[in-house]
Structure formats: C-alpha cells, structure tokens
Amino acid sequence: MNKTLATNFIASVILVLSFIESPYQNILFNVGAFALSGSLTNNLAVYMLFEKIPFIYGSGVVQNNFDQFKAAIKGLVL
C-alpha cells in the first residue's frame, strides 16, 4: 500500500469524523485539517523538486542541477 495514500486517507477520515457531534469535535477537526494540509503540501514540495512545473519558480531543482548533485555525491563517496 502506498504510504502517501494511507496518510491522506487517515487524515481525511479524522477530518470527516470531526463533523460528528462529540466532545472531541474541535480537536479532531484541527488534527485532521493540519494533517491533511501538511501531507498535501509535502507531496507537492517533493514533486516540485524532481519535476519542472511551467511558470512556477524553483520547480525542477534536481533536473536543473543534476550534474552538480552527481559530482557532489561522487566526491562524497570517494
């Protein structure tokens, strides 16, 4: 199972459970909302590291600097 989908699913379930009347309704909403937004933001950030997105500054850093990364890793290993 994909960890990303599992994390998003659990956060979504917690967020949906917050709409059921309970004494923990406010806490569940905050936990679900922050977990889901954090997970989606991290997914976008990792995607932007490796893929170039048109008109978005800073995307595709690994693609643009691959030769520098390769040389730095080679120097680190040797």
PDB file of N, CA and C in Angstrom:
ATOM      1  N   MET A   1       0.842  -1.181   0.000  1.00  0.00           N
ATOM      2  CA  MET A   1       0.000   0.000   0.000  1.00  0.00           C
ATOM      3  C   MET A   1       0.891   1.250   0.000  1.00  0.00           C
ATOM      4  N   ASN A   2       0.479   2.234  -0.720  1.00  0.00           N
ATOM      5  CA  ASN A   2       1.205   3.481  -0.828  1.00  0.00           C
ATOM      6  C   ASN A   2       1.073   4.274   0.475  1.00  0.00           C
ATOM      7  N   LYS A   3       2.206   4.673   1.054  1.00  0.00           N
ATOM      8  CA  LYS A   3       2.184   5.398   2.327  1.00  0.00           C
ATOM      9  C   LYS A   3       1.510   6.760   2.189  1.00  0.00           C
ATOM     10  N   THR A   4       1.682   7.382   1.051  1.00  0.00           N
ATOM     11  CA  THR A   4       1.075   8.693   0.823  1.00  0.00           C
ATOM     12  C   THR A   4      -0.443   8.595   0.848  1.00  0.00           C
ATOM     13  N   LEU A   5      -0.968   7.610   0.142  1.00  0.00           N
ATOM     14  CA  LEU A   5      -2.420   7.436   0.119  1.00  0.00           C
ATOM     15  C   LEU A   5      -2.953   7.056   1.492  1.00  0.00           C
ATOM     16  N   ALA A   6      -2.207   6.225   2.223  1.00  0.00           N
ATOM     17  CA  ALA A   6      -2.637   5.833   3.561  1.00  0.00           C
ATOM     18  C   ALA A   6      -2.686   7.044   4.498  1.00  0.00           C
ATOM     19  N   THR A   7      -1.671   7.887   4.428  1.00  0.00           N
ATOM     20  CA  THR A   7      -1.633   9.088   5.265  1.00  0.00           C
ATOM     21  C   THR A   7      -2.783  10.023   4.919  1.00  0.00           C
ATOM     22  N   ASN A   8      -2.998  10.260   3.638  1.00  0.00           N
ATOM     23  CA  ASN A   8      -4.096  11.138   3.218  1.00  0.00           C
ATOM     24  C   ASN A   8      -5.443  10.560   3.614  1.00  0.00           C
ATOM     25  N   PHE A   9      -5.598   9.244   3.497  1.00  0.00           N
ATOM     26  CA  PHE A   9      -6.864   8.604   3.858  1.00  0.00           C
ATOM     27  C   PHE A   9      -7.146   8.731   5.355  1.00  0.00           C
ATOM     28  N   ILE A  10      -6.142   8.462   6.187  1.00  0.00           N
ATOM     29  CA  ILE A  10      -6.328   8.550   7.638  1.00  0.00           C
ATOM     30  C   ILE A  10      -6.648   9.986   8.045  1.00  0.00           C
ATOM     31  N   ALA A  11      -5.947  10.950   7.473  1.00  0.00           N
ATOM     32  CA  ALA A  11      -6.216  12.356   7.780  1.00  0.00           C
ATOM     33  C   ALA A  11      -7.616  12.744   7.334  1.00  0.00           C
ATOM     34  N   SER A  12      -8.043  12.246   6.189  1.00  0.00           N
ATOM     35  CA  SER A  12      -9.397  12.544   5.698  1.00  0.00           C
ATOM     36  C   SER A  12     -10.462  11.932   6.595  1.00  0.00           C
ATOM     37  N   VAL A  13     -10.225  10.707   7.061  1.00  0.00           N
ATOM     38  CA  VAL A  13     -11.184  10.055   7.963  1.00  0.00           C
ATOM     39  C   VAL A  13     -11.297  10.836   9.267  1.00  0.00           C
ATOM     40  N   ILE A  14     -10.171  11.273   9.810  1.00  0.00           N
ATOM     41  CA  ILE A  14     -10.204  12.064  11.041  1.00  0.00           C
ATOM     42  C   ILE A  14     -10.947  13.363  10.808  1.00  0.00           C
ATOM     43  N   LEU A  15     -10.742  13.987   9.665  1.00  0.00           N
ATOM     44  CA  LEU A  15     -11.434  15.232   9.344  1.00  0.00           C
ATOM     45  C   LEU A  15     -12.939  15.009   9.217  1.00  0.00           C
ATOM     46  N   VAL A  16     -13.348  13.920   8.578  1.00  0.00           N
ATOM     47  CA  VAL A  16     -14.774  13.619   8.440  1.00  0.00           C
ATOM     48  C   VAL A  16     -15.392  13.295   9.800  1.00  0.00           C
ATOM     49  N   LEU A  17     -14.641  12.581  10.654  1.00  0.00           N
ATOM     50  CA  LEU A  17     -15.153  12.265  11.987  1.00  0.00           C
ATOM     51  C   LEU A  17     -15.388  13.514  12.832  1.00  0.00           C
ATOM     52  N   SER A  18     -14.706  14.598  12.495  1.00  0.00           N
ATOM     53  CA  SER A  18     -14.877  15.825  13.266  1.00  0.00           C
ATOM     54  C   SER A  18     -16.248  16.444  13.052  1.00  0.00           C
ATOM     55  N   PHE A  19     -16.959  16.042  12.011  1.00  0.00           N
ATOM     56  CA  PHE A  19     -18.286  16.595  11.755  1.00  0.00           C
ATOM     57  C   PHE A  19     -19.380  15.838  12.507  1.00  0.00           C
ATOM     58  N   ILE A  20     -19.006  14.767  13.198  1.00  0.00           N
ATOM     59  CA  ILE A  20     -19.947  14.044  14.058  1.00  0.00           C
ATOM     60  C   ILE A  20     -19.898  14.693  15.434  1.00  0.00           C
ATOM     61  N   GLU A  21     -21.054  14.948  15.997  1.00  0.00           N
ATOM     62  CA  GLU A  21     -21.134  15.625  17.299  1.00  0.00           C
ATOM     63  C   GLU A  21     -20.471  14.789  18.379  1.00  0.00           C
ATOM     64  N   SER A  22     -19.424  15.343  18.984  1.00  0.00           N
ATOM     65  CA  SER A  22     -18.723  14.685  20.079  1.00  0.00           C
ATOM     66  C   SER A  22     -17.978  15.747  20.880  1.00  0.00           C
ATOM     67  N   PRO A  23     -17.549  15.394  22.088  1.00  0.00           N
ATOM     68  CA  PRO A  23     -16.795  16.383  22.869  1.00  0.00           C
ATOM     69  C   PRO A  23     -15.413  16.682  22.278  1.00  0.00           C
ATOM     70  N   TYR A  24     -14.928  15.827  21.400  1.00  0.00           N
ATOM     71  CA  TYR A  24     -13.612  15.996  20.794  1.00  0.00           C
ATOM     72  C   TYR A  24     -13.699  16.556  19.377  1.00  0.00           C
ATOM     73  N   GLN A  25     -14.818  17.118  19.025  1.00  0.00           N
ATOM     74  CA  GLN A  25     -15.067  17.581  17.665  1.00  0.00           C
ATOM     75  C   GLN A  25     -14.032  18.624  17.221  1.00  0.00           C
ATOM     76  N   ASN A  26     -13.739  19.577  18.060  1.00  0.00           N
ATOM     77  CA  ASN A  26     -12.793  20.634  17.706  1.00  0.00           C
ATOM     78  C   ASN A  26     -11.377  20.079  17.545  1.00  0.00           C
ATOM     79  N   ILE A  27     -10.982  19.180  18.434  1.00  0.00           N
ATOM     80  CA  ILE A  27      -9.645  18.583  18.358  1.00  0.00           C
ATOM     81  C   ILE A  27      -9.507  17.734  17.101  1.00  0.00           C
ATOM     82  N   LEU A  28     -10.521  16.926  16.800  1.00  0.00           N
ATOM     83  CA  LEU A  28     -10.475  16.091  15.598  1.00  0.00           C
ATOM     84  C   LEU A  28     -10.390  16.940  14.336  1.00  0.00           C
ATOM     85  N   PHE A  29     -11.135  18.039  14.304  1.00  0.00           N
ATOM     86  CA  PHE A  29     -11.086  18.908  13.133  1.00  0.00           C
ATOM     87  C   PHE A  29      -9.685  19.478  12.947  1.00  0.00           C
ATOM     88  N   ASN A  30      -9.096  19.980  14.023  1.00  0.00           N
ATOM     89  CA  ASN A  30      -7.757  20.569  13.919  1.00  0.00           C
ATOM     90  C   ASN A  30      -6.718  19.534  13.506  1.00  0.00           C
ATOM     91  N   VAL A  31      -6.753  18.361  14.119  1.00  0.00           N
ATOM     92  CA  VAL A  31      -5.791  17.304  13.775  1.00  0.00           C
ATOM     93  C   VAL A  31      -5.964  16.882  12.318  1.00  0.00           C
ATOM     94  N   GLY A  32      -7.199  16.651  11.888  1.00  0.00           N
ATOM     95  CA  GLY A  32      -7.453  16.230  10.509  1.00  0.00           C
ATOM     96  C   GLY A  32      -7.068  17.275   9.487  1.00  0.00           C
ATOM     97  N   ALA A  33      -7.428  18.523   9.761  1.00  0.00           N
ATOM     98  CA  ALA A  33      -7.136  19.598   8.802  1.00  0.00           C
ATOM     99  C   ALA A  33      -5.636  19.832   8.675  1.00  0.00           C
ATOM    100  N   PHE A  34      -4.930  19.883   9.802  1.00  0.00           N
ATOM    101  CA  PHE A  34      -3.490  20.121   9.741  1.00  0.00           C
ATOM    102  C   PHE A  34      -2.750  18.924   9.145  1.00  0.00           C
ATOM    103  N   ALA A  35      -3.176  17.710   9.455  1.00  0.00           N
ATOM    104  CA  ALA A  35      -2.520  16.522   8.899  1.00  0.00           C
ATOM    105  C   ALA A  35      -2.719  16.455   7.391  1.00  0.00           C
ATOM    106  N   LEU A  36      -3.925  16.720   6.938  1.00  0.00           N
ATOM    107  CA  LEU A  36      -4.202  16.655   5.502  1.00  0.00           C
ATOM    108  C   LEU A  36      -3.485  17.770   4.750  1.00  0.00           C
ATOM    109  N   SER A  37      -3.511  18.976   5.277  1.00  0.00           N
ATOM    110  CA  SER A  37      -2.836  20.075   4.577  1.00  0.00           C
ATOM    111  C   SER A  37      -1.323  19.870   4.576  1.00  0.00           C
ATOM    112  N   GLY A  38      -0.763  19.371   5.667  1.00  0.00           N
ATOM    113  CA  GLY A  38       0.671  19.103   5.712  1.00  0.00           C
ATOM    114  C   GLY A  38       1.087  18.019   4.740  1.00  0.00           C
ATOM    115  N   SER A  39       0.279  16.971   4.665  1.00  0.00           N
ATOM    116  CA  SER A  39       0.587  15.876   3.754  1.00  0.00           C
ATOM    117  C   SER A  39       0.531  16.332   2.295  1.00  0.00           C
ATOM    118  N   LEU A  40      -0.500  17.079   1.946  1.00  0.00           N
ATOM    119  CA  LEU A  40      -0.618  17.560   0.567  1.00  0.00           C
ATOM    120  C   LEU A  40       0.498  18.541   0.220  1.00  0.00           C
ATOM    121  N   THR A  41       0.864  19.393   1.167  1.00  0.00           N
ATOM    122  CA  THR A  41       1.949  20.342   0.930  1.00  0.00           C
ATOM    123  C   THR A  41       3.273  19.618   0.733  1.00  0.00           C
ATOM    124  N   ASN A  42       3.549  18.607   1.553  1.00  0.00           N
ATOM    125  CA  ASN A  42       4.788  17.842   1.400  1.00  0.00           C
ATOM    126  C   ASN A  42       4.829  17.094   0.077  1.00  0.00           C
ATOM    127  N   ASN A  43       3.700  16.528  -0.327  1.00  0.00           N
ATOM    128  CA  ASN A  43       3.649  15.833  -1.618  1.00  0.00           C
ATOM    129  C   ASN A  43       3.963  16.785  -2.758  1.00  0.00           C
ATOM    130  N   LEU A  44       3.398  17.980  -2.709  1.00  0.00           N
ATOM    131  CA  LEU A  44       3.655  18.966  -3.754  1.00  0.00           C
ATOM    132  C   LEU A  44       5.117  19.401  -3.752  1.00  0.00           C
ATOM    133  N   ALA A  45       5.696  19.586  -2.577  1.00  0.00           N
ATOM    134  CA  ALA A  45       7.092  20.018  -2.484  1.00  0.00           C
ATOM    135  C   ALA A  45       8.040  18.973  -3.053  1.00  0.00           C
ATOM    136  N   VAL A  46       7.820  17.708  -2.727  1.00  0.00           N
ATOM    137  CA  VAL A  46       8.676  16.645  -3.257  1.00  0.00           C
ATOM    138  C   VAL A  46       8.494  16.519  -4.764  1.00  0.00           C
ATOM    139  N   TYR A  47       7.272  16.637  -5.236  1.00  0.00           N
ATOM    140  CA  TYR A  47       7.016  16.575  -6.679  1.00  0.00           C
ATOM    141  C   TYR A  47       7.743  17.716  -7.390  1.00  0.00           C
ATOM    142  N   MET A  48       7.706  18.914  -6.789  1.00  0.00           N
ATOM    143  CA  MET A  48       8.344  20.072  -7.407  1.00  0.00           C
ATOM    144  C   MET A  48       9.865  19.959  -7.413  1.00  0.00           C
ATOM    145  N   LEU A  49      10.451  19.202  -6.504  1.00  0.00           N
ATOM    146  CA  LEU A  49      11.902  19.012  -6.523  1.00  0.00           C
ATOM    147  C   LEU A  49      12.352  18.298  -7.787  1.00  0.00           C
ATOM    148  N   PHE A  50      11.598  17.297  -8.195  1.00  0.00           N
ATOM    149  CA  PHE A  50      12.027  16.424  -9.283  1.00  0.00           C
ATOM    150  C   PHE A  50      11.398  16.744 -10.630  1.00  0.00           C
ATOM    151  N   GLU A  51      10.286  17.446 -10.648  1.00  0.00           N
ATOM    152  CA  GLU A  51       9.588  17.735 -11.902  1.00  0.00           C
ATOM    153  C   GLU A  51       9.507  19.238 -12.127  1.00  0.00           C
ATOM    154  N   LYS A  52       9.724  19.649 -13.355  1.00  0.00           N
ATOM    155  CA  LYS A  52       9.609  21.054 -13.728  1.00  0.00           C
ATOM    156  C   LYS A  52       8.143  21.372 -13.994  1.00  0.00           C
ATOM    157  N   ILE A  53       7.624  22.370 -13.291  1.00  0.00           N
ATOM    158  CA  ILE A  53       6.243  22.812 -13.470  1.00  0.00           C
ATOM    159  C   ILE A  53       6.296  24.180 -14.152  1.00  0.00           C
ATOM    160  N   PRO A  54       5.640  24.322 -15.297  1.00  0.00           N
ATOM    161  CA  PRO A  54       5.713  25.594 -16.015  1.00  0.00           C
ATOM    162  C   PRO A  54       5.206  26.770 -15.176  1.00  0.00           C
ATOM    163  N   PHE A  55       5.901  27.882 -15.264  1.00  0.00           N
ATOM    164  CA  PHE A  55       5.556  29.154 -14.624  1.00  0.00           C
ATOM    165  C   PHE A  55       5.663  29.139 -13.107  1.00  0.00           C
ATOM    166  N   ILE A  56       6.275  28.100 -12.515  1.00  0.00           N
ATOM    167  CA  ILE A  56       6.472  28.067 -11.061  1.00  0.00           C
ATOM    168  C   ILE A  56       7.968  28.098 -10.798  1.00  0.00           C
ATOM    169  N   TYR A  57       8.397  29.175 -10.142  1.00  0.00           N
ATOM    170  CA  TYR A  57       9.807  29.388  -9.860  1.00  0.00           C
ATOM    171  C   TYR A  57      10.294  28.364  -8.835  1.00  0.00           C
ATOM    172  N   GLY A  58      11.443  27.762  -9.076  1.00  0.00           N
ATOM    173  CA  GLY A  58      12.048  26.835  -8.133  1.00  0.00           C
ATOM    174  C   GLY A  58      11.697  25.385  -8.368  1.00  0.00           C
ATOM    175  N   SER A  59      10.820  25.100  -9.304  1.00  0.00           N
ATOM    176  CA  SER A  59      10.488  23.697  -9.545  1.00  0.00           C
ATOM    177  C   SER A  59      11.539  23.069 -10.448  1.00  0.00           C
ATOM    178  N   GLY A  60      11.738  21.771 -10.290  1.00  0.00           N
ATOM    179  CA  GLY A  60      12.700  21.045 -11.103  1.00  0.00           C
ATOM    180  C   GLY A  60      14.143  21.264 -10.703  1.00  0.00           C
ATOM    181  N   VAL A  61      14.388  21.488  -9.425  1.00  0.00           N
ATOM    182  CA  VAL A  61      15.741  21.777  -8.945  1.00  0.00           C
ATOM    183  C   VAL A  61      16.673  20.608  -9.227  1.00  0.00           C
ATOM    184  N   VAL A  62      16.212  19.393  -9.008  1.00  0.00           N
ATOM    185  CA  VAL A  62      17.071  18.223  -9.220  1.00  0.00           C
ATOM    186  C   VAL A  62      17.396  18.071 -10.703  1.00  0.00           C
ATOM    187  N   GLN A  63      16.419  18.290 -11.565  1.00  0.00           N
ATOM    188  CA  GLN A  63      16.675  18.198 -13.004  1.00  0.00           C
ATOM    189  C   GLN A  63      17.668  19.262 -13.459  1.00  0.00           C
ATOM    190  N   ASN A  64      17.503  20.471 -12.969  1.00  0.00           N
ATOM    191  CA  ASN A  64      18.358  21.576 -13.413  1.00  0.00           C
ATOM    192  C   ASN A  64      19.797  21.443 -12.918  1.00  0.00           C
ATOM    193  N   ASN A  65      20.001  20.844 -11.757  1.00  0.00           N
ATOM    194  CA  ASN A  65      21.327  20.762 -11.148  1.00  0.00           C
ATOM    195  C   ASN A  65      21.820  19.326 -11.001  1.00  0.00           C
ATOM    196  N   PHE A  66      21.372  18.433 -11.867  1.00  0.00           N
ATOM    197  CA  PHE A  66      21.701  17.023 -11.728  1.00  0.00           C
ATOM    198  C   PHE A  66      23.199  16.769 -11.787  1.00  0.00           C
ATOM    199  N   ASP A  67      23.891  17.436 -12.713  1.00  0.00           N
ATOM    200  CA  ASP A  67      25.335  17.220 -12.838  1.00  0.00           C
ATOM    201  C   ASP A  67      26.076  17.652 -11.581  1.00  0.00           C
ATOM    202  N   GLN A  68      25.666  18.741 -10.976  1.00  0.00           N
ATOM    203  CA  GLN A  68      26.289  19.200  -9.736  1.00  0.00           C
ATOM    204  C   GLN A  68      26.027  18.216  -8.599  1.00  0.00           C
ATOM    205  N   PHE A  69      24.792  17.706  -8.508  1.00  0.00           N
ATOM    206  CA  PHE A  69      24.466  16.716  -7.473  1.00  0.00           C
ATOM    207  C   PHE A  69      25.302  15.451  -7.659  1.00  0.00           C
ATOM    208  N   LYS A  70      25.416  15.014  -8.924  1.00  0.00           N
ATOM    209  CA  LYS A  70      26.174  13.802  -9.225  1.00  0.00           C
ATOM    210  C   LYS A  70      27.638  13.966  -8.839  1.00  0.00           C
ATOM    211  N   ALA A  71      28.226  15.109  -9.150  1.00  0.00           N
ATOM    212  CA  ALA A  71      29.636  15.361  -8.827  1.00  0.00           C
ATOM    213  C   ALA A  71      29.832  15.441  -7.317  1.00  0.00           C
ATOM    214  N   ALA A  72      28.875  16.049  -6.612  1.00  0.00           N
ATOM    215  CA  ALA A  72      28.999  16.176  -5.153  1.00  0.00           C
ATOM    216  C   ALA A  72      28.890  14.804  -4.482  1.00  0.00           C
ATOM    217  N   ILE A  73      27.994  13.969  -4.951  1.00  0.00           N
ATOM    218  CA  ILE A  73      27.846  12.628  -4.381  1.00  0.00           C
ATOM    219  C   ILE A  73      29.070  11.780  -4.693  1.00  0.00           C
ATOM    220  N   LYS A  74      29.613  11.908  -5.903  1.00  0.00           N
ATOM    221  CA  LYS A  74      30.823  11.171  -6.257  1.00  0.00           C
ATOM    222  C   LYS A  74      31.979  11.585  -5.354  1.00  0.00           C
ATOM    223  N   GLY A  75      32.123  12.877  -5.110  1.00  0.00           N
ATOM    224  CA  GLY A  75      33.174  13.364  -4.232  1.00  0.00           C
ATOM    225  C   GLY A  75      32.975  12.897  -2.796  1.00  0.00           C
ATOM    226  N   LEU A  76      31.741  12.800  -2.369  1.00  0.00           N
ATOM    227  CA  LEU A  76      31.440  12.342  -1.025  1.00  0.00           C
ATOM    228  C   LEU A  76      31.777  10.865  -0.861  1.00  0.00           C
ATOM    229  N   VAL A  77      31.457  10.054  -1.872  1.00  0.00           N
ATOM    230  CA  VAL A  77      31.713   8.628  -1.793  1.00  0.00           C
ATOM    231  C   VAL A  77      33.205   8.340  -1.888  1.00  0.00           C
ATOM    232  N   LEU A  78      33.897   9.035  -2.765  1.00  0.00           N
ATOM    233  CA  LEU A  78      35.326   8.790  -2.940  1.00  0.00           C
ATOM    234  C   LEU A  78      36.101   9.486  -1.835  1.00  0.00           C
TER     235      LEU A  78
END
